[in-house]
N, C-alpha and C. Protein backbone atom coordinates (compact mmCIF):
# COMPACT_ATOMS: atom_id res chain seq x y z
N UNK A 1 78.39 45.78 18.12
CA UNK A 1 77.21 46.73 18.32
C UNK A 1 76.13 46.57 16.89
N UNK A 2 76.51 46.27 15.45
CA UNK A 2 76.77 45.97 13.78
C UNK A 2 75.62 45.35 13.90
N UNK A 3 76.07 44.33 14.86
CA UNK A 3 74.55 42.67 14.73
C UNK A 3 73.81 43.56 15.19
N UNK A 4 73.97 44.40 16.40
CA UNK A 4 72.88 44.95 16.67
C UNK A 4 71.74 45.28 16.40
N UNK A 5 72.14 46.26 15.70
CA UNK A 5 71.57 47.44 14.68
C UNK A 5 70.98 46.40 13.11
N UNK A 6 71.13 45.43 13.11
CA UNK A 6 71.11 44.89 12.00
C UNK A 6 70.18 44.38 12.62
N UNK A 7 70.32 43.09 13.97
CA UNK A 7 68.66 42.04 14.05
C UNK A 7 67.54 43.75 14.73
N UNK A 8 68.19 44.67 15.24
CA UNK A 8 66.69 45.75 15.30
C UNK A 8 65.94 45.94 14.00
N UNK A 9 66.80 46.63 12.52
CA UNK A 9 66.21 46.99 10.91
C UNK A 9 65.35 46.01 10.73
N UNK A 10 65.81 44.34 10.77
CA UNK A 10 65.44 42.74 10.72
C UNK A 10 64.49 42.70 11.17
N UNK A 11 63.93 42.95 12.51
CA UNK A 11 62.98 42.89 13.31
C UNK A 11 62.23 44.07 13.08
N UNK A 12 62.23 45.45 12.58
CA UNK A 12 61.08 46.24 12.25
C UNK A 12 60.72 46.22 11.01
N UNK A 13 61.34 45.60 10.18
CA UNK A 13 61.10 45.35 9.20
C UNK A 13 59.74 43.79 8.64
N UNK A 14 59.81 43.18 9.64
CA UNK A 14 59.42 41.53 9.75
C UNK A 14 57.35 42.28 10.32
N UNK A 15 58.04 43.06 11.21
CA UNK A 15 56.83 43.98 11.81
C UNK A 15 56.08 44.31 10.57
N UNK A 16 56.73 45.67 9.92
CA UNK A 16 55.83 45.95 8.70
C UNK A 16 55.68 45.05 8.12
N UNK A 17 56.21 44.23 7.71
CA UNK A 17 54.96 43.36 6.79
C UNK A 17 53.95 42.54 7.14
N UNK A 18 54.27 42.21 8.58
CA UNK A 18 52.94 41.37 9.02
C UNK A 18 51.43 42.92 9.01
N UNK A 19 52.19 43.50 9.10
CA UNK A 19 51.27 44.63 9.34
C UNK A 19 50.82 44.48 7.81
N UNK A 20 51.65 44.95 6.44
CA UNK A 20 50.93 45.13 5.56
C UNK A 20 50.60 43.70 4.65
N UNK A 21 50.56 42.59 5.35
CA UNK A 21 50.04 41.03 4.87
C UNK A 21 48.91 40.46 4.17
N UNK A 22 48.26 41.02 3.06
CA UNK A 22 47.42 40.43 2.30
C UNK A 22 46.70 39.65 4.05
N UNK A 23 46.92 38.40 4.66
CA UNK A 23 46.58 37.76 4.98
C UNK A 23 45.78 37.95 6.53
N UNK A 24 45.68 40.09 6.63
CA UNK A 24 45.32 40.10 8.14
C UNK A 24 43.44 40.44 6.83
N UNK A 25 42.64 39.51 7.99
CA UNK A 25 41.88 39.98 7.58
C UNK A 25 40.53 40.59 7.62
N UNK A 26 39.76 41.25 6.74
CA UNK A 26 39.59 42.40 6.99
C UNK A 26 38.56 42.83 8.07
N UNK A 27 37.93 43.90 8.03
CA UNK A 27 37.60 44.45 8.81
C UNK A 27 35.77 43.83 9.09
N UNK A 28 35.77 43.44 9.87
CA UNK A 28 34.14 42.69 9.80
C UNK A 28 32.84 43.12 9.67
N UNK A 29 31.48 42.78 8.46
CA UNK A 29 31.07 43.54 8.70
C UNK A 29 30.01 43.47 9.18
N UNK A 30 29.28 45.20 9.67
CA UNK A 30 28.34 45.07 10.47
C UNK A 30 26.79 44.94 9.37
N UNK A 31 26.55 43.80 9.90
CA UNK A 31 25.25 43.73 9.39
C UNK A 31 23.25 43.84 10.59
N UNK A 32 22.57 45.01 9.74
CA UNK A 32 21.72 45.60 10.46
C UNK A 32 20.36 44.74 10.70
N UNK A 33 20.04 44.51 12.12
CA UNK A 33 19.14 43.54 12.66
C UNK A 33 17.70 44.62 12.27
N UNK A 34 16.73 43.80 12.20
CA UNK A 34 15.24 44.01 12.33
C UNK A 34 15.46 45.27 12.83
N UNK A 35 15.97 44.82 14.18
CA UNK A 35 15.34 46.19 15.38
C UNK A 35 16.36 47.62 14.44
N UNK A 36 16.79 47.39 14.09
CA UNK A 36 17.81 48.51 13.37
C UNK A 36 16.93 49.34 12.83
N UNK A 37 16.22 48.25 11.46
CA UNK A 37 15.45 49.07 10.74
C UNK A 37 14.09 50.24 10.85
N UNK A 38 13.58 49.05 12.20
CA UNK A 38 12.45 49.66 13.06
C UNK A 38 12.78 50.58 13.95
N UNK A 39 13.99 51.16 14.73
CA UNK A 39 14.41 51.93 15.01
C UNK A 39 14.31 52.97 14.25
N UNK A 40 14.76 53.18 13.90
CA UNK A 40 15.27 53.94 12.56
C UNK A 40 14.74 54.17 11.72
N UNK A 41 12.99 53.73 11.51
CA UNK A 41 11.31 54.46 10.81
C UNK A 41 11.49 54.99 11.79
N UNK A 42 10.64 54.72 13.36
CA UNK A 42 10.32 55.43 14.70
C UNK A 42 10.66 56.29 14.62
N UNK A 43 12.07 56.79 14.26
CA UNK A 43 12.62 57.50 15.30
C UNK A 43 12.39 58.76 13.99
N UNK A 44 12.84 58.42 12.33
CA UNK A 44 12.55 59.70 12.29
C UNK A 44 10.91 59.97 12.20
N UNK A 45 10.02 59.02 11.64
CA UNK A 45 8.15 59.48 12.12
C UNK A 45 7.90 59.98 13.17
N UNK A 46 8.95 59.95 14.27
CA UNK A 46 8.97 60.52 15.55
C UNK A 46 9.37 62.17 15.82
N UNK A 47 10.20 61.93 15.06
CA UNK A 47 11.45 63.92 14.91
C UNK A 47 10.14 64.55 14.06
N UNK A 48 9.33 63.53 12.71
CA UNK A 48 8.67 64.92 12.31
C UNK A 48 7.01 65.30 13.77
N UNK A 49 7.26 66.72 13.53
CA UNK A 49 6.27 67.05 14.53
C UNK A 49 4.32 66.84 14.81
N UNK A 50 4.14 66.49 13.11
CA UNK A 50 2.81 66.84 12.96
C UNK A 50 2.90 64.54 12.42
N UNK A 51 3.63 64.11 13.06
CA UNK A 51 3.34 62.67 12.33
C UNK A 51 4.14 61.83 13.73
N UNK A 52 4.60 62.53 15.14
CA UNK A 52 4.73 62.59 16.56
C UNK A 52 3.69 61.71 17.20
N UNK A 53 2.02 62.33 16.72
CA UNK A 53 1.31 61.39 17.51
C UNK A 53 0.60 60.10 17.22
N UNK A 54 1.70 59.57 15.67
CA UNK A 54 0.46 58.84 15.06
C UNK A 54 0.54 56.92 15.74
N UNK A 55 -0.28 56.39 15.87
CA UNK A 55 -0.09 55.76 16.52
C UNK A 55 -0.35 53.87 15.18
N UNK A 56 1.19 54.29 15.29
CA UNK A 56 2.09 53.00 13.86
C UNK A 56 2.69 51.92 14.11
N UNK A 57 2.90 50.68 13.90
CA UNK A 57 3.45 49.84 13.88
C UNK A 57 4.89 49.35 12.39
N UNK A 58 5.72 49.55 13.52
CA UNK A 58 6.66 49.18 12.53
C UNK A 58 7.51 47.61 12.95
N UNK A 59 6.85 46.75 12.16
CA UNK A 59 7.53 45.03 11.43
C UNK A 59 8.95 45.15 10.44
N UNK A 60 10.28 45.39 10.73
CA UNK A 60 11.12 44.90 9.27
C UNK A 60 10.82 43.58 9.66
N UNK A 61 11.25 43.24 8.61
CA UNK A 61 11.71 41.91 7.81
C UNK A 61 13.35 42.19 6.97
N UNK A 62 14.62 42.24 7.74
CA UNK A 62 16.05 42.12 6.56
C UNK A 62 15.51 41.25 6.05
N UNK A 63 15.71 40.40 5.76
CA UNK A 63 16.13 38.65 5.21
C UNK A 63 15.56 39.51 3.58
N UNK A 64 14.02 39.70 4.50
CA UNK A 64 13.29 39.91 3.06
C UNK A 64 13.10 41.73 2.10
N UNK A 65 14.14 41.81 3.18
CA UNK A 65 14.90 43.96 2.97
C UNK A 65 12.90 44.30 2.52
N UNK A 66 11.87 43.51 4.31
CA UNK A 66 10.07 44.09 4.01
C UNK A 66 10.63 44.60 4.86
N UNK A 67 9.67 45.85 4.65
CA UNK A 67 8.50 46.78 6.41
C UNK A 67 7.76 47.15 5.83
N UNK A 68 7.12 45.99 7.34
CA UNK A 68 5.14 46.55 6.89
C UNK A 68 4.19 47.56 7.86
N UNK A 69 4.26 48.49 7.79
CA UNK A 69 3.32 49.98 8.42
C UNK A 69 1.97 49.73 8.99
N UNK A 70 1.61 49.19 10.11
CA UNK A 70 0.36 48.99 10.59
C UNK A 70 -0.21 49.61 11.76
N UNK A 71 -1.83 49.84 12.11
CA UNK A 71 -1.84 51.32 12.89
C UNK A 71 -3.31 52.06 12.31
N UNK A 72 -3.45 53.26 12.62
CA UNK A 72 -4.65 54.04 12.19
C UNK A 72 -3.85 55.31 12.02
N UNK A 73 -4.35 56.64 11.67
CA UNK A 73 -4.32 58.47 11.27
C UNK A 73 -5.82 58.83 11.57
N UNK A 74 -5.83 59.89 10.85
CA UNK A 74 -6.84 60.40 10.98
C UNK A 74 -6.68 61.15 9.64
N UNK A 75 -6.19 61.11 8.78
CA UNK A 75 -5.92 61.27 7.91
C UNK A 75 -5.38 60.88 6.57
N UNK A 76 -5.15 60.24 5.52
CA UNK A 76 -4.93 60.39 4.04
C UNK A 76 -3.57 60.55 4.07
N UNK A 77 -3.48 61.34 3.92
CA UNK A 77 -1.78 62.92 3.98
C UNK A 77 -1.33 61.81 4.89
N UNK A 78 -1.00 62.01 6.27
CA UNK A 78 -0.31 61.45 7.61
C UNK A 78 0.71 60.30 7.14
N UNK A 79 -1.32 59.22 6.17
CA UNK A 79 -0.38 57.79 6.19
C UNK A 79 0.06 57.88 4.81
N UNK A 80 0.28 58.53 3.93
CA UNK A 80 0.81 59.23 2.93
C UNK A 80 2.04 59.74 2.87
N UNK A 81 2.34 60.49 4.26
CA UNK A 81 4.26 60.85 4.36
C UNK A 81 4.73 59.75 5.39
N UNK A 82 3.91 58.99 6.23
CA UNK A 82 4.89 57.68 6.77
C UNK A 82 4.95 57.19 5.96
N UNK A 83 4.99 56.78 4.89
CA UNK A 83 4.56 55.12 3.92
C UNK A 83 5.85 56.10 3.73
N UNK A 84 5.89 57.54 3.07
CA UNK A 84 7.30 58.38 1.81
C UNK A 84 8.68 58.01 3.21
N UNK A 85 8.47 58.46 4.01
CA UNK A 85 9.59 58.54 5.80
C UNK A 85 10.06 57.16 5.49
N UNK A 86 8.42 55.62 5.23
CA UNK A 86 10.10 54.23 5.33
C UNK A 86 10.85 54.00 4.49
N UNK A 87 9.84 54.75 3.23
CA UNK A 87 10.73 54.54 1.95
C UNK A 87 12.00 55.71 1.70
N UNK A 88 12.38 56.18 2.20
CA UNK A 88 13.53 57.31 2.96
C UNK A 88 14.53 56.65 3.44
N UNK A 89 13.72 56.26 4.82
CA UNK A 89 14.85 55.50 5.33
C UNK A 89 15.78 54.35 4.84
N UNK A 90 14.97 53.49 4.59
CA UNK A 90 15.34 51.64 4.16
C UNK A 90 15.20 52.19 2.98
N UNK A 91 15.92 53.02 1.57
CA UNK A 91 15.78 52.80 0.17
C UNK A 91 16.51 50.90 -0.23
N UNK A 92 15.36 50.63 -1.22
CA UNK A 92 15.69 49.33 -1.58
C UNK A 92 14.45 48.34 -0.80
N UNK A 93 14.05 48.79 -0.42
CA UNK A 93 13.20 47.90 1.48
C UNK A 93 11.93 47.79 0.08
N UNK A 94 10.69 46.80 0.24
CA UNK A 94 9.57 47.18 0.16
C UNK A 94 8.43 47.05 0.86
N UNK A 95 7.79 48.33 0.78
CA UNK A 95 7.16 49.43 2.29
C UNK A 95 6.00 48.48 2.37
N UNK A 96 5.44 47.53 2.75
CA UNK A 96 3.76 47.11 3.06
C UNK A 96 3.17 47.87 3.80
N UNK A 97 2.17 48.45 3.27
CA UNK A 97 1.39 49.76 3.69
C UNK A 97 0.12 49.16 4.64
N UNK A 98 -0.19 49.16 5.90
CA UNK A 98 -1.66 47.95 5.97
C UNK A 98 -2.16 49.52 7.39
N UNK A 99 -1.73 50.24 7.44
CA UNK A 99 -2.23 51.78 7.65
C UNK A 99 -3.88 51.68 7.79
N UNK A 100 -4.56 52.41 8.47
CA UNK A 100 -5.81 52.77 8.72
C UNK A 100 -6.00 53.86 7.97
N UNK A 101 -6.62 55.04 7.30
CA UNK A 101 -7.10 55.80 8.63
C UNK A 101 -8.44 55.92 8.61
N UNK A 102 -8.84 56.53 10.15
CA UNK A 102 -9.99 56.53 10.38
C UNK A 102 -10.28 57.96 10.59
N UNK A 103 -10.83 58.47 10.80
CA UNK A 103 -11.01 60.45 10.65
C UNK A 103 -11.19 60.72 12.16
N UNK A 104 -10.67 62.06 12.63
CA UNK A 104 -10.57 61.95 14.20
C UNK A 104 -13.00 62.32 14.44
N UNK A 105 -13.06 62.35 15.65
CA UNK A 105 -14.56 62.41 15.75
C UNK A 105 -15.16 62.88 17.19
N UNK A 106 -14.54 63.60 17.59
CA UNK A 106 -15.05 64.30 18.26
C UNK A 106 -16.55 64.38 18.64
N UNK A 107 -17.67 63.65 19.82
CA UNK A 107 -18.87 64.51 20.59
C UNK A 107 -18.34 65.90 20.34
N UNK A 108 -19.75 66.46 20.04
CA UNK A 108 -19.95 67.98 20.40
C UNK A 108 -19.50 68.46 22.39
N UNK A 109 -20.03 67.09 22.69
CA UNK A 109 -20.01 66.90 24.45
C UNK A 109 -18.53 67.28 24.58
N UNK A 110 -17.49 66.42 24.44
CA UNK A 110 -16.59 66.70 24.16
C UNK A 110 -15.50 67.24 23.99
N UNK A 111 -15.84 68.48 22.96
CA UNK A 111 -15.59 69.19 21.96
C UNK A 111 -15.17 70.57 22.79
N UNK A 112 -13.85 70.89 23.56
CA UNK A 112 -13.45 72.05 24.37
C UNK A 112 -13.08 73.19 23.44
N UNK A 113 -12.47 74.72 23.83
CA UNK A 113 -12.89 75.83 23.69
C UNK A 113 -11.53 75.97 23.62
N UNK A 114 -10.67 74.84 23.61
CA UNK A 114 -8.87 74.40 23.35
C UNK A 114 -9.32 74.25 21.58
N UNK A 115 -9.62 73.20 21.86
CA UNK A 115 -10.13 72.62 20.23
C UNK A 115 -10.43 73.49 19.75
N UNK A 116 -11.18 74.23 19.36
CA UNK A 116 -12.55 75.79 18.86
C UNK A 116 -11.01 76.04 18.35
N UNK A 117 -10.29 76.91 19.45
CA UNK A 117 -8.60 77.74 19.39
C UNK A 117 -7.85 77.37 18.00
N UNK A 118 -7.52 75.91 18.37
CA UNK A 118 -6.88 75.24 17.30
C UNK A 118 -7.44 75.24 15.95
N UNK A 119 -8.50 74.89 15.82
CA UNK A 119 -9.51 74.73 14.58
C UNK A 119 -9.79 75.80 13.91
N UNK A 120 -9.68 77.21 15.01
CA UNK A 120 -9.65 78.73 13.78
C UNK A 120 -8.45 79.23 13.55
N UNK A 121 -7.74 79.15 14.27
CA UNK A 121 -5.54 78.99 13.94
C UNK A 121 -5.67 78.58 12.41
N UNK A 122 -6.53 77.10 12.32
CA UNK A 122 -5.93 75.89 11.17
C UNK A 122 -6.71 76.91 9.87
N UNK A 123 -8.37 76.97 10.88
CA UNK A 123 -8.88 78.04 9.71
C UNK A 123 -8.01 79.08 9.21
N UNK A 124 -7.99 79.99 10.12
CA UNK A 124 -6.91 80.80 9.01
C UNK A 124 -6.39 81.01 8.03
N UNK A 125 -5.63 80.14 8.52
CA UNK A 125 -4.01 79.42 7.70
C UNK A 125 -4.19 78.69 6.33
N UNK A 126 -5.57 78.62 6.68
CA UNK A 126 -5.85 78.21 4.78
C UNK A 126 -6.91 78.54 3.87
N UNK A 127 -7.29 80.09 4.78
CA UNK A 127 -8.42 81.28 4.58
C UNK A 127 -9.66 81.09 4.26
N UNK A 128 -9.67 79.17 5.54
CA UNK A 128 -12.08 79.04 5.62
C UNK A 128 -11.77 79.75 6.64
N UNK A 129 -13.53 79.72 6.43
CA UNK A 129 -13.48 81.27 7.18
C UNK A 129 -15.03 80.42 8.24
N UNK A 130 -15.16 81.08 9.28
CA UNK A 130 -15.99 80.40 10.38
C UNK A 130 -16.95 81.70 11.44
N UNK A 131 -17.68 80.77 11.67
CA UNK A 131 -18.89 81.27 12.66
C UNK A 131 -18.49 81.15 14.29
N UNK A 132 -19.06 82.73 14.69
CA UNK A 132 -18.62 82.19 16.46
C UNK A 132 -18.24 81.45 17.11
N UNK A 133 -19.56 80.52 16.99
CA UNK A 133 -19.79 79.30 18.33
C UNK A 133 -18.86 78.07 18.00
N UNK A 134 -19.30 77.47 19.25
CA UNK A 134 -18.12 76.19 19.28
C UNK A 134 -18.78 75.60 17.93
N UNK A 135 -20.32 75.10 18.00
CA UNK A 135 -20.65 74.15 17.32
C UNK A 135 -20.40 74.34 15.62
N UNK A 136 -19.79 76.62 15.17
CA UNK A 136 -19.56 75.97 14.14
C UNK A 136 -17.46 75.52 13.80
N UNK A 137 -17.12 75.18 14.59
CA UNK A 137 -15.79 74.83 15.25
C UNK A 137 -15.35 73.38 14.68
N UNK A 138 -16.43 73.33 15.25
CA UNK A 138 -17.10 71.41 15.94
C UNK A 138 -16.91 70.98 14.46
N UNK A 139 -18.29 71.53 14.19
CA UNK A 139 -18.16 71.34 12.45
C UNK A 139 -17.13 71.00 11.98
N UNK A 140 -16.62 72.73 11.52
CA UNK A 140 -15.05 71.59 11.43
C UNK A 140 -14.59 71.39 10.50
N UNK A 141 -13.42 71.35 12.58
CA UNK A 141 -13.26 69.98 12.39
C UNK A 141 -13.24 68.22 12.14
N UNK A 142 -14.82 68.75 12.12
CA UNK A 142 -15.28 67.17 11.37
C UNK A 142 -15.26 66.94 10.00
N UNK A 143 -15.27 68.08 9.38
CA UNK A 143 -16.16 67.69 8.43
C UNK A 143 -14.44 67.77 7.04
N UNK A 144 -13.33 69.06 7.39
CA UNK A 144 -12.31 68.56 7.31
C UNK A 144 -11.60 67.28 7.84
N UNK A 145 -11.36 67.44 8.39
CA UNK A 145 -10.93 65.45 9.27
C UNK A 145 -11.22 64.77 8.07
N UNK A 146 -12.42 64.41 8.31
CA UNK A 146 -13.43 63.28 6.37
C UNK A 146 -12.87 63.91 5.52
N UNK A 147 -13.10 64.93 4.50
CA UNK A 147 -12.17 65.41 3.41
C UNK A 147 -10.97 64.62 3.52
N UNK A 148 -9.90 64.71 4.51
CA UNK A 148 -8.82 64.47 4.85
C UNK A 148 -8.15 63.15 4.61
N UNK A 149 -9.08 62.00 5.76
CA UNK A 149 -9.50 61.14 4.81
C UNK A 149 -9.52 60.03 3.89
N UNK A 150 -10.43 60.37 2.86
CA UNK A 150 -10.58 60.41 1.75
C UNK A 150 -9.69 60.55 1.14
N UNK A 151 -9.11 59.23 -0.19
CA UNK A 151 -8.42 58.95 -1.03
C UNK A 151 -9.48 59.76 -2.19
N UNK A 152 -10.48 60.09 -2.37
CA UNK A 152 -11.25 61.39 -3.10
C UNK A 152 -11.08 62.53 -3.51
N UNK A 153 -11.44 63.07 -1.88
CA UNK A 153 -11.33 64.54 -1.60
C UNK A 153 -9.76 65.19 -2.35
N UNK A 154 -9.76 66.29 -2.65
CA UNK A 154 -7.94 67.03 -2.45
C UNK A 154 -8.04 67.37 -1.24
N UNK A 155 -7.84 67.15 0.21
CA UNK A 155 -8.58 67.94 1.01
C UNK A 155 -7.43 69.74 1.81
N UNK A 156 -6.33 69.82 0.49
CA UNK A 156 -6.14 70.57 0.72
C UNK A 156 -5.91 72.33 -0.41
N UNK A 157 -7.53 71.46 -1.14
CA UNK A 157 -7.71 72.19 -2.61
C UNK A 157 -8.66 72.39 -2.01
N UNK A 158 -9.15 72.59 -1.39
CA UNK A 158 -11.02 72.62 -0.67
C UNK A 158 -10.89 73.00 0.58
N UNK A 159 -11.42 74.83 0.27
CA UNK A 159 -11.50 74.72 1.74
C UNK A 159 -12.85 75.12 2.36
N UNK A 160 -12.96 74.80 3.70
CA UNK A 160 -15.01 74.70 3.84
C UNK A 160 -14.63 75.48 5.01
N UNK A 161 -15.99 76.19 5.07
CA UNK A 161 -16.42 77.43 5.26
C UNK A 161 -17.79 77.42 5.86
N UNK A 162 -17.87 77.56 7.71
CA UNK A 162 -19.21 77.06 8.58
C UNK A 162 -19.19 78.30 9.50
N UNK A 163 -20.66 78.40 8.66
CA UNK A 163 -21.45 79.48 9.90
C UNK A 163 -22.47 79.31 9.94
N UNK A 164 -23.59 78.84 11.49
CA UNK A 164 -24.66 78.48 11.89
C UNK A 164 -25.81 77.32 11.24
N UNK A 165 -24.25 76.44 11.36
CA UNK A 165 -23.85 75.36 11.15
C UNK A 165 -23.71 74.73 9.48
N UNK A 166 -23.88 76.05 8.95
CA UNK A 166 -24.46 75.76 7.16
C UNK A 166 -22.82 76.01 6.51
N UNK A 167 -22.67 74.77 5.71
CA UNK A 167 -20.66 74.62 5.20
C UNK A 167 -21.16 74.37 3.89
N UNK A 168 -20.78 75.67 3.42
CA UNK A 168 -19.68 75.58 2.19
C UNK A 168 -18.26 75.46 1.48
N UNK A 169 -18.43 75.17 0.85
CA UNK A 169 -17.61 74.11 -0.19
C UNK A 169 -17.07 74.86 -0.89
N UNK A 170 -15.49 74.77 -1.42
CA UNK A 170 -15.00 75.78 -1.83
C UNK A 170 -13.90 75.71 -2.52
N UNK A 171 -13.10 76.24 -3.80
CA UNK A 171 -11.73 75.17 -4.67
C UNK A 171 -11.93 74.27 -5.51
N UNK A 172 -11.20 73.91 -6.16
CA UNK A 172 -11.10 73.75 -7.75
C UNK A 172 -11.15 72.25 -7.51
N UNK A 173 -11.44 71.40 -7.83
CA UNK A 173 -10.75 69.59 -8.38
C UNK A 173 -10.96 68.80 -9.18
N UNK A 174 -10.26 68.28 -9.11
CA UNK A 174 -10.31 67.48 -10.16
C UNK A 174 -11.18 66.17 -10.89
N UNK A 175 -12.08 66.36 -10.39
CA UNK A 175 -12.77 65.70 -11.34
C UNK A 175 -14.50 66.21 -10.57
N UNK A 176 -15.55 65.18 -11.36
CA UNK A 176 -17.07 65.60 -10.77
C UNK A 176 -17.10 64.25 -9.43
N UNK A 177 -16.46 63.31 -9.73
CA UNK A 177 -16.75 62.87 -8.47
C UNK A 177 -15.64 63.07 -7.44
N UNK A 178 -14.58 63.29 -6.69
CA UNK A 178 -14.30 64.50 -6.36
C UNK A 178 -15.19 65.37 -5.08
N UNK A 179 -16.11 65.87 -6.20
CA UNK A 179 -16.91 67.31 -5.80
C UNK A 179 -17.93 66.52 -5.47
N UNK A 180 -18.73 65.36 -5.87
CA UNK A 180 -19.83 64.93 -5.60
C UNK A 180 -19.57 63.88 -3.57
N UNK A 181 -17.88 63.07 -4.08
CA UNK A 181 -17.91 62.89 -2.38
C UNK A 181 -18.12 64.35 -1.63
N UNK A 182 -17.09 65.18 -2.42
CA UNK A 182 -16.85 65.74 -0.46
C UNK A 182 -17.96 66.94 -0.47
N UNK A 183 -19.26 67.03 -1.13
CA UNK A 183 -20.70 67.67 -0.73
C UNK A 183 -21.28 66.19 0.25
N UNK A 184 -21.02 64.54 -0.64
CA UNK A 184 -21.30 64.06 0.28
C UNK A 184 -21.11 63.54 1.91
N UNK A 185 -19.24 63.73 1.94
CA UNK A 185 -19.56 64.22 3.46
C UNK A 185 -19.09 65.07 4.78
N UNK A 186 -19.42 66.21 3.68
CA UNK A 186 -20.17 66.55 3.64
C UNK A 186 -21.82 67.07 4.72
N UNK A 187 -22.58 66.69 4.44
CA UNK A 187 -24.09 66.31 3.74
C UNK A 187 -24.05 65.58 4.88
N UNK A 188 -23.05 64.24 5.28
CA UNK A 188 -24.15 62.99 6.01
C UNK A 188 -22.90 62.89 7.80
N UNK A 189 -22.32 64.69 7.85
CA UNK A 189 -21.98 65.25 8.91
C UNK A 189 -23.26 65.52 9.93
N UNK A 190 -22.47 64.81 11.04
CA UNK A 190 -24.12 65.54 11.81
C UNK A 190 -23.65 66.56 12.52
N UNK A 191 -24.96 67.60 12.14
CA UNK A 191 -24.94 68.60 13.00
C UNK A 191 -24.93 69.72 11.60
N UNK A 192 -24.56 69.63 10.70
CA UNK A 192 -24.79 70.12 9.75
C UNK A 192 -25.86 70.11 8.82
N UNK A 193 -26.71 71.84 9.10
CA UNK A 193 -28.04 72.14 8.34
C UNK A 193 -28.05 72.38 7.23
N UNK A 194 -26.72 72.13 6.28
CA UNK A 194 -27.30 72.50 4.74
C UNK A 194 -26.24 72.53 4.40
N UNK A 195 -25.35 73.07 2.75
CA UNK A 195 -23.80 72.06 1.97
C UNK A 195 -24.43 73.36 1.00
N UNK A 196 -23.38 74.35 0.67
CA UNK A 196 -23.27 75.43 0.00
C UNK A 196 -22.41 74.83 -1.73
N UNK A 197 -23.00 74.62 -2.09
CA UNK A 197 -21.69 73.98 -3.87
C UNK A 197 -21.11 74.99 -3.80
N UNK A 198 -20.14 74.95 -3.90
CA UNK A 198 -18.88 76.16 -4.68
C UNK A 198 -18.47 75.85 -5.90
N UNK A 199 -17.94 74.17 -5.52
CA UNK A 199 -16.63 74.31 -5.76
C UNK A 199 -16.61 73.93 -7.48
N UNK A 200 -15.63 73.99 -8.41
CA UNK A 200 -15.18 74.00 -9.19
C UNK A 200 -14.67 72.86 -9.50
N UNK A 201 -14.39 72.53 -10.53
CA UNK A 201 -14.25 70.90 -12.24
C UNK A 201 -13.12 71.44 -13.07
N UNK A 202 -11.97 71.36 -12.51
CA UNK A 202 -11.45 71.54 -13.84
C UNK A 202 -11.70 70.20 -14.68
N UNK A 203 -11.45 71.74 -15.69
CA UNK A 203 -11.75 71.29 -17.82
C UNK A 203 -10.59 70.56 -18.14
């Protein structure tokens, strides 16, 4: 009986030693694939209510620790947000930004009352003033889209009022160049009768 007990104790000791033996291989490290990185970034973009509809392609190269973004968005602000999301999702990766910015351009014939309602709601939130006509809402949509797509004009700091096809630009910009560019973009917008410049340049 004592012999049997000693055998059991010895066997148990061997099992414990075997489990703790340094020769036990370490757990396998799972390496990220290109697809893993691409899905992670695309998921973060789609989670964003504003960016969910953006047409952006994500191409990752894990070996080079690089991500290339391509596609088209309708404002410089959206482009910047997408690049930032990619950078935050994959810290340490080089982000190659090849996204094109093209303002939303809808003809008056295709501009609907629903679109106008959204434009008026957006205008109220930013302090812009719009006339009652569908064309005023349409022009507001076009001018604000152009300002948002430009790298020179700080769209969020420029108020765009539209009444009877007359556009008034208000707010404070960083430079004379930004003021001139905002005026030019508004003047060159189809349907605009006149542009009133009330922009102030920071001293």
